[in-house]
Amino acid sequence: MEWYFILAIVLGIPIILFPIALVWYLNVSGLYQVLRDVRQRQRRRAEGAAEAKKPVAAEQGTLAGKG
């Protein structure tokens, strides 16, 4: 092979691969952001459900038979 053909290959490969790597990075970082938001939303929902199960007053759960 001639030297200019090898030079063209060496310079052409990064030019072709850079946009591919950039798009891959954007997709992976977007997917990571979505998964992180979903986990945070599930954690908040679980904390809200646990707080909703707590009695409001201390005697609220044992009103029967106090009379």
PDB file of N, CA and C in Angstrom:
ATOM      1  N   MET A   1       0.843  -1.185   0.000  1.00  0.00           N
ATOM      2  CA  MET A   1       0.000   0.000   0.000  1.00  0.00           C
ATOM      3  C   MET A   1       0.886   1.246   0.000  1.00  0.00           C
ATOM      4  N   GLU A   2       0.369   2.260  -0.592  1.00  0.00           N
ATOM      5  CA  GLU A   2       1.083   3.526  -0.613  1.00  0.00           C
ATOM      6  C   GLU A   2       0.886   4.248   0.715  1.00  0.00           C
ATOM      7  N   TRP A   3       1.792   5.129   1.055  1.00  0.00           N
ATOM      8  CA  TRP A   3       1.748   5.800   2.346  1.00  0.00           C
ATOM      9  C   TRP A   3       0.543   6.722   2.469  1.00  0.00           C
ATOM     10  N   TYR A   4       0.110   7.339   1.384  1.00  0.00           N
ATOM     11  CA  TYR A   4      -1.034   8.252   1.455  1.00  0.00           C
ATOM     12  C   TYR A   4      -2.345   7.494   1.665  1.00  0.00           C
ATOM     13  N   PHE A   5      -2.401   6.245   1.197  1.00  0.00           N
ATOM     14  CA  PHE A   5      -3.586   5.426   1.445  1.00  0.00           C
ATOM     15  C   PHE A   5      -3.666   5.046   2.926  1.00  0.00           C
ATOM     16  N   ILE A   6      -2.532   4.686   3.499  1.00  0.00           N
ATOM     17  CA  ILE A   6      -2.476   4.358   4.929  1.00  0.00           C
ATOM     18  C   ILE A   6      -2.801   5.600   5.761  1.00  0.00           C
ATOM     19  N   LEU A   7      -2.282   6.748   5.365  1.00  0.00           N
ATOM     20  CA  LEU A   7      -2.574   7.994   6.069  1.00  0.00           C
ATOM     21  C   LEU A   7      -4.064   8.326   6.004  1.00  0.00           C
ATOM     22  N   ALA A   8      -4.679   8.110   4.857  1.00  0.00           N
ATOM     23  CA  ALA A   8      -6.114   8.366   4.713  1.00  0.00           C
ATOM     24  C   ALA A   8      -6.925   7.447   5.619  1.00  0.00           C
ATOM     25  N   ILE A   9      -6.536   6.202   5.729  1.00  0.00           N
ATOM     26  CA  ILE A   9      -7.240   5.263   6.615  1.00  0.00           C
ATOM     27  C   ILE A   9      -7.062   5.684   8.073  1.00  0.00           C
ATOM     28  N   VAL A  10      -5.831   6.014   8.460  1.00  0.00           N
ATOM     29  CA  VAL A  10      -5.546   6.396   9.845  1.00  0.00           C
ATOM     30  C   VAL A  10      -6.308   7.667  10.225  1.00  0.00           C
ATOM     31  N   LEU A  11      -6.429   8.614   9.324  1.00  0.00           N
ATOM     32  CA  LEU A  11      -7.162   9.842   9.621  1.00  0.00           C
ATOM     33  C   LEU A  11      -8.668   9.682   9.436  1.00  0.00           C
ATOM     34  N   GLY A  12      -9.091   8.786   8.573  1.00  0.00           N
ATOM     35  CA  GLY A  12     -10.516   8.617   8.295  1.00  0.00           C
ATOM     36  C   GLY A  12     -11.259   7.837   9.364  1.00  0.00           C
ATOM     37  N   ILE A  13     -10.601   6.875   9.971  1.00  0.00           N
ATOM     38  CA  ILE A  13     -11.272   6.042  10.982  1.00  0.00           C
ATOM     39  C   ILE A  13     -11.743   6.877  12.176  1.00  0.00           C
ATOM     40  N   PRO A  14     -10.916   7.743  12.781  1.00  0.00           N
ATOM     41  CA  PRO A  14     -11.438   8.564  13.893  1.00  0.00           C
ATOM     42  C   PRO A  14     -12.553   9.513  13.471  1.00  0.00           C
ATOM     43  N   ILE A  15     -12.468  10.026  12.244  1.00  0.00           N
ATOM     44  CA  ILE A  15     -13.516  10.934  11.770  1.00  0.00           C
ATOM     45  C   ILE A  15     -14.848  10.199  11.660  1.00  0.00           C
ATOM     46  N   ILE A  16     -14.813   8.940  11.279  1.00  0.00           N
ATOM     47  CA  ILE A  16     -16.038   8.143  11.167  1.00  0.00           C
ATOM     48  C   ILE A  16     -16.515   7.686  12.544  1.00  0.00           C
ATOM     49  N   LEU A  17     -15.587   7.291  13.411  1.00  0.00           N
ATOM     50  CA  LEU A  17     -15.967   6.733  14.708  1.00  0.00           C
ATOM     51  C   LEU A  17     -16.380   7.792  15.729  1.00  0.00           C
ATOM     52  N   PHE A  18     -15.905   9.023  15.614  1.00  0.00           N
ATOM     53  CA  PHE A  18     -16.251  10.053  16.595  1.00  0.00           C
ATOM     54  C   PHE A  18     -17.752  10.332  16.655  1.00  0.00           C
ATOM     55  N   PRO A  19     -18.451  10.551  15.544  1.00  0.00           N
ATOM     56  CA  PRO A  19     -19.904  10.765  15.645  1.00  0.00           C
ATOM     57  C   PRO A  19     -20.646   9.547  16.181  1.00  0.00           C
ATOM     58  N   ILE A  20     -20.173   8.358  15.840  1.00  0.00           N
ATOM     59  CA  ILE A  20     -20.807   7.141  16.355  1.00  0.00           C
ATOM     60  C   ILE A  20     -20.654   7.082  17.871  1.00  0.00           C
ATOM     61  N   ALA A  21     -19.453   7.368  18.370  1.00  0.00           N
ATOM     62  CA  ALA A  21     -19.217   7.358  19.817  1.00  0.00           C
ATOM     63  C   ALA A  21     -20.022   8.451  20.511  1.00  0.00           C
ATOM     64  N   LEU A  22     -20.166   9.596  19.873  1.00  0.00           N
ATOM     65  CA  LEU A  22     -20.934  10.693  20.463  1.00  0.00           C
ATOM     66  C   LEU A  22     -22.410  10.326  20.594  1.00  0.00           C
ATOM     67  N   VAL A  23     -22.985   9.749  19.563  1.00  0.00           N
ATOM     68  CA  VAL A  23     -24.389   9.330  19.614  1.00  0.00           C
ATOM     69  C   VAL A  23     -24.572   8.231  20.648  1.00  0.00           C
ATOM     70  N   TRP A  24     -23.635   7.285  20.721  1.00  0.00           N
ATOM     71  CA  TRP A  24     -23.708   6.216  21.715  1.00  0.00           C
ATOM     72  C   TRP A  24     -23.667   6.809  23.126  1.00  0.00           C
ATOM     73  N   TYR A  25     -22.786   7.777  23.362  1.00  0.00           N
ATOM     74  CA  TYR A  25     -22.686   8.417  24.667  1.00  0.00           C
ATOM     75  C   TYR A  25     -23.984   9.126  25.031  1.00  0.00           C
ATOM     76  N   LEU A  26     -24.578   9.835  24.080  1.00  0.00           N
ATOM     77  CA  LEU A  26     -25.834  10.533  24.356  1.00  0.00           C
ATOM     78  C   LEU A  26     -26.944   9.544  24.700  1.00  0.00           C
ATOM     79  N   ASN A  27     -27.012   8.428  24.002  1.00  0.00           N
ATOM     80  CA  ASN A  27     -28.034   7.426  24.291  1.00  0.00           C
ATOM     81  C   ASN A  27     -27.832   6.802  25.666  1.00  0.00           C
ATOM     82  N   VAL A  28     -26.605   6.446  25.982  1.00  0.00           N
ATOM     83  CA  VAL A  28     -26.328   5.804  27.271  1.00  0.00           C
ATOM     84  C   VAL A  28     -26.555   6.776  28.418  1.00  0.00           C
ATOM     85  N   SER A  29     -26.128   8.015  28.276  1.00  0.00           N
ATOM     86  CA  SER A  29     -26.332   8.979  29.361  1.00  0.00           C
ATOM     87  C   SER A  29     -27.816   9.300  29.541  1.00  0.00           C
ATOM     88  N   GLY A  30     -28.579   9.339  28.463  1.00  0.00           N
ATOM     89  CA  GLY A  30     -30.024   9.553  28.574  1.00  0.00           C
ATOM     90  C   GLY A  30     -30.706   8.390  29.254  1.00  0.00           C
ATOM     91  N   LEU A  31     -30.283   7.175  28.921  1.00  0.00           N
ATOM     92  CA  LEU A  31     -30.847   5.988  29.558  1.00  0.00           C
ATOM     93  C   LEU A  31     -30.520   5.975  31.046  1.00  0.00           C
ATOM     94  N   TYR A  32     -29.298   6.345  31.403  1.00  0.00           N
ATOM     95  CA  TYR A  32     -28.909   6.410  32.805  1.00  0.00           C
ATOM     96  C   TYR A  32     -29.762   7.433  33.561  1.00  0.00           C
ATOM     97  N   GLN A  33     -30.001   8.577  32.957  1.00  0.00           N
ATOM     98  CA  GLN A  33     -30.824   9.620  33.585  1.00  0.00           C
ATOM     99  C   GLN A  33     -32.245   9.123  33.824  1.00  0.00           C
ATOM    100  N   VAL A  34     -32.821   8.439  32.854  1.00  0.00           N
ATOM    101  CA  VAL A  34     -34.184   7.913  32.994  1.00  0.00           C
ATOM    102  C   VAL A  34     -34.236   6.880  34.107  1.00  0.00           C
ATOM    103  N   LEU A  35     -33.282   5.962  34.147  1.00  0.00           N
ATOM    104  CA  LEU A  35     -33.279   4.938  35.194  1.00  0.00           C
ATOM    105  C   LEU A  35     -33.092   5.557  36.574  1.00  0.00           C
ATOM    106  N   ARG A  36     -32.246   6.572  36.680  1.00  0.00           N
ATOM    107  CA  ARG A  36     -32.042   7.236  37.968  1.00  0.00           C
ATOM    108  C   ARG A  36     -33.315   7.935  38.431  1.00  0.00           C
ATOM    109  N   ASP A  37     -34.018   8.583  37.508  1.00  0.00           N
ATOM    110  CA  ASP A  37     -35.273   9.248  37.857  1.00  0.00           C
ATOM    111  C   ASP A  37     -36.342   8.244  38.278  1.00  0.00           C
ATOM    112  N   VAL A  38     -36.402   7.099  37.610  1.00  0.00           N
ATOM    113  CA  VAL A  38     -37.389   6.075  37.964  1.00  0.00           C
ATOM    114  C   VAL A  38     -37.114   5.545  39.365  1.00  0.00           C
ATOM    115  N   ARG A  39     -35.834   5.258  39.666  1.00  0.00           N
ATOM    116  CA  ARG A  39     -35.500   4.767  41.005  1.00  0.00           C
ATOM    117  C   ARG A  39     -35.831   5.800  42.071  1.00  0.00           C
ATOM    118  N   GLN A  40     -35.576   7.064  41.798  1.00  0.00           N
ATOM    119  CA  GLN A  40     -35.886   8.124  42.759  1.00  0.00           C
ATOM    120  C   GLN A  40     -37.393   8.250  42.955  1.00  0.00           C
ATOM    121  N   ARG A  41     -38.155   8.141  41.883  1.00  0.00           N
ATOM    122  CA  ARG A  41     -39.614   8.223  41.972  1.00  0.00           C
ATOM    123  C   ARG A  41     -40.167   7.046  42.778  1.00  0.00           C
ATOM    124  N   GLN A  42     -39.629   5.843  42.562  1.00  0.00           N
ATOM    125  CA  GLN A  42     -40.085   4.679  43.324  1.00  0.00           C
ATOM    126  C   GLN A  42     -39.755   4.838  44.803  1.00  0.00           C
ATOM    127  N   ARG A  43     -38.576   5.386  45.093  1.00  0.00           N
ATOM    128  CA  ARG A  43     -38.186   5.588  46.490  1.00  0.00           C
ATOM    129  C   ARG A  43     -39.118   6.583  47.176  1.00  0.00           C
ATOM    130  N   ARG A  44     -39.452   7.683  46.479  1.00  0.00           N
ATOM    131  CA  ARG A  44     -40.379   8.668  47.061  1.00  0.00           C
ATOM    132  C   ARG A  44     -41.767   8.083  47.244  1.00  0.00           C
ATOM    133  N   ARG A  45     -42.213   7.267  46.284  1.00  0.00           N
ATOM    134  CA  ARG A  45     -43.533   6.652  46.387  1.00  0.00           C
ATOM    135  C   ARG A  45     -43.572   5.684  47.572  1.00  0.00           C
ATOM    136  N   ALA A  46     -42.507   4.911  47.780  1.00  0.00           N
ATOM    137  CA  ALA A  46     -42.457   3.981  48.906  1.00  0.00           C
ATOM    138  C   ALA A  46     -42.435   4.737  50.235  1.00  0.00           C
ATOM    139  N   GLU A  47     -41.698   5.834  50.299  1.00  0.00           N
ATOM    140  CA  GLU A  47     -41.672   6.629  51.531  1.00  0.00           C
ATOM    141  C   GLU A  47     -43.039   7.244  51.808  1.00  0.00           C
ATOM    142  N   GLY A  48     -43.724   7.693  50.780  1.00  0.00           N
ATOM    143  CA  GLY A  48     -45.064   8.261  50.952  1.00  0.00           C
ATOM    144  C   GLY A  48     -46.059   7.217  51.401  1.00  0.00           C
ATOM    145  N   ALA A  49     -45.955   5.999  50.863  1.00  0.00           N
ATOM    146  CA  ALA A  49     -46.861   4.925  51.268  1.00  0.00           C
ATOM    147  C   ALA A  49     -46.594   4.521  52.715  1.00  0.00           C
ATOM    148  N   ALA A  50     -45.337   4.486  53.119  1.00  0.00           N
ATOM    149  CA  ALA A  50     -45.008   4.136  54.501  1.00  0.00           C
ATOM    150  C   ALA A  50     -45.508   5.215  55.458  1.00  0.00           C
ATOM    151  N   GLU A  51     -45.418   6.458  55.052  1.00  0.00           N
ATOM    152  CA  GLU A  51     -45.894   7.541  55.906  1.00  0.00           C
ATOM    153  C   GLU A  51     -47.419   7.560  55.974  1.00  0.00           C
ATOM    154  N   ALA A  52     -48.087   7.166  54.906  1.00  0.00           N
ATOM    155  CA  ALA A  52     -49.550   7.144  54.894  1.00  0.00           C
ATOM    156  C   ALA A  52     -50.092   6.050  55.812  1.00  0.00           C
ATOM    157  N   LYS A  53     -49.320   5.001  56.056  1.00  0.00           N
ATOM    158  CA  LYS A  53     -49.773   3.913  56.925  1.00  0.00           C
ATOM    159  C   LYS A  53     -49.631   4.249  58.408  1.00  0.00           C
ATOM    160  N   LYS A  54     -48.851   5.270  58.733  1.00  0.00           N
ATOM    161  CA  LYS A  54     -48.666   5.640  60.134  1.00  0.00           C
ATOM    162  C   LYS A  54     -49.946   6.263  60.672  1.00  0.00           C
ATOM    163  N   PRO A  55     -50.326   5.956  61.920  1.00  0.00           N
ATOM    164  CA  PRO A  55     -51.507   6.600  62.503  1.00  0.00           C
ATOM    165  C   PRO A  55     -51.222   8.080  62.769  1.00  0.00           C
ATOM    166  N   VAL A  56     -52.270   8.891  62.626  1.00  0.00           N
ATOM    167  CA  VAL A  56     -52.118  10.332  62.812  1.00  0.00           C
ATOM    168  C   VAL A  56     -51.976  10.650  64.297  1.00  0.00           C
ATOM    169  N   ALA A  57     -52.801  10.068  65.119  1.00  0.00           N
ATOM    170  CA  ALA A  57     -52.728  10.274  66.566  1.00  0.00           C
ATOM    171  C   ALA A  57     -52.322   8.954  67.216  1.00  0.00           C
ATOM    172  N   ALA A  58     -51.771   9.038  68.413  1.00  0.00           N
ATOM    173  CA  ALA A  58     -51.296   7.833  69.083  1.00  0.00           C
ATOM    174  C   ALA A  58     -52.439   6.887  69.415  1.00  0.00           C
ATOM    175  N   GLU A  59     -53.612   7.398  69.758  1.00  0.00           N
ATOM    176  CA  GLU A  59     -54.730   6.545  70.151  1.00  0.00           C
ATOM    177  C   GLU A  59     -55.635   6.182  68.981  1.00  0.00           C
ATOM    178  N   GLN A  60     -55.306   6.567  67.797  1.00  0.00           N
ATOM    179  CA  GLN A  60     -56.170   6.314  66.652  1.00  0.00           C
ATOM    180  C   GLN A  60     -56.336   4.817  66.381  1.00  0.00           C
ATOM    181  N   GLY A  61     -55.301   4.030  66.539  1.00  0.00           N
ATOM    182  CA  GLY A  61     -55.376   2.612  66.225  1.00  0.00           C
ATOM    183  C   GLY A  61     -56.128   1.790  67.257  1.00  0.00           C
ATOM    184  N   THR A  62     -56.386   2.282  68.468  1.00  0.00           N
ATOM    185  CA  THR A  62     -56.994   1.483  69.532  1.00  0.00           C
ATOM    186  C   THR A  62     -58.235   2.164  70.098  1.00  0.00           C
ATOM    187  N   LEU A  63     -59.168   2.552  69.267  1.00  0.00           N
ATOM    188  CA  LEU A  63     -60.378   3.213  69.743  1.00  0.00           C
ATOM    189  C   LEU A  63     -61.436   2.216  70.226  1.00  0.00           C
ATOM    190  N   ALA A  64     -61.425   0.999  69.737  1.00  0.00           N
ATOM    191  CA  ALA A  64     -62.458   0.025  70.104  1.00  0.00           C
ATOM    192  C   ALA A  64     -62.264  -0.431  71.556  1.00  0.00           C
ATOM    193  N   GLY A  65     -63.353  -0.514  72.304  1.00  0.00           N
ATOM    194  CA  GLY A  65     -63.326  -1.027  73.669  1.00  0.00           C
ATOM    195  C   GLY A  65     -62.875  -0.024  74.711  1.00  0.00           C
ATOM    196  N   LYS A  66     -62.925   1.247  74.437  1.00  0.00           N
ATOM    197  CA  LYS A  66     -62.490   2.244  75.421  1.00  0.00           C
ATOM    198  C   LYS A  66     -63.686   2.985  75.993  1.00  0.00           C
ATOM    199  N   GLY A  67     -64.691   2.371  76.260  1.00  0.00           N
ATOM    200  CA  GLY A  67     -65.814   3.156  76.684  1.00  0.00           C
ATOM    201  C   GLY A  67     -66.508   2.640  77.802  1.00  0.00           C
TER     202      GLY A  67
END
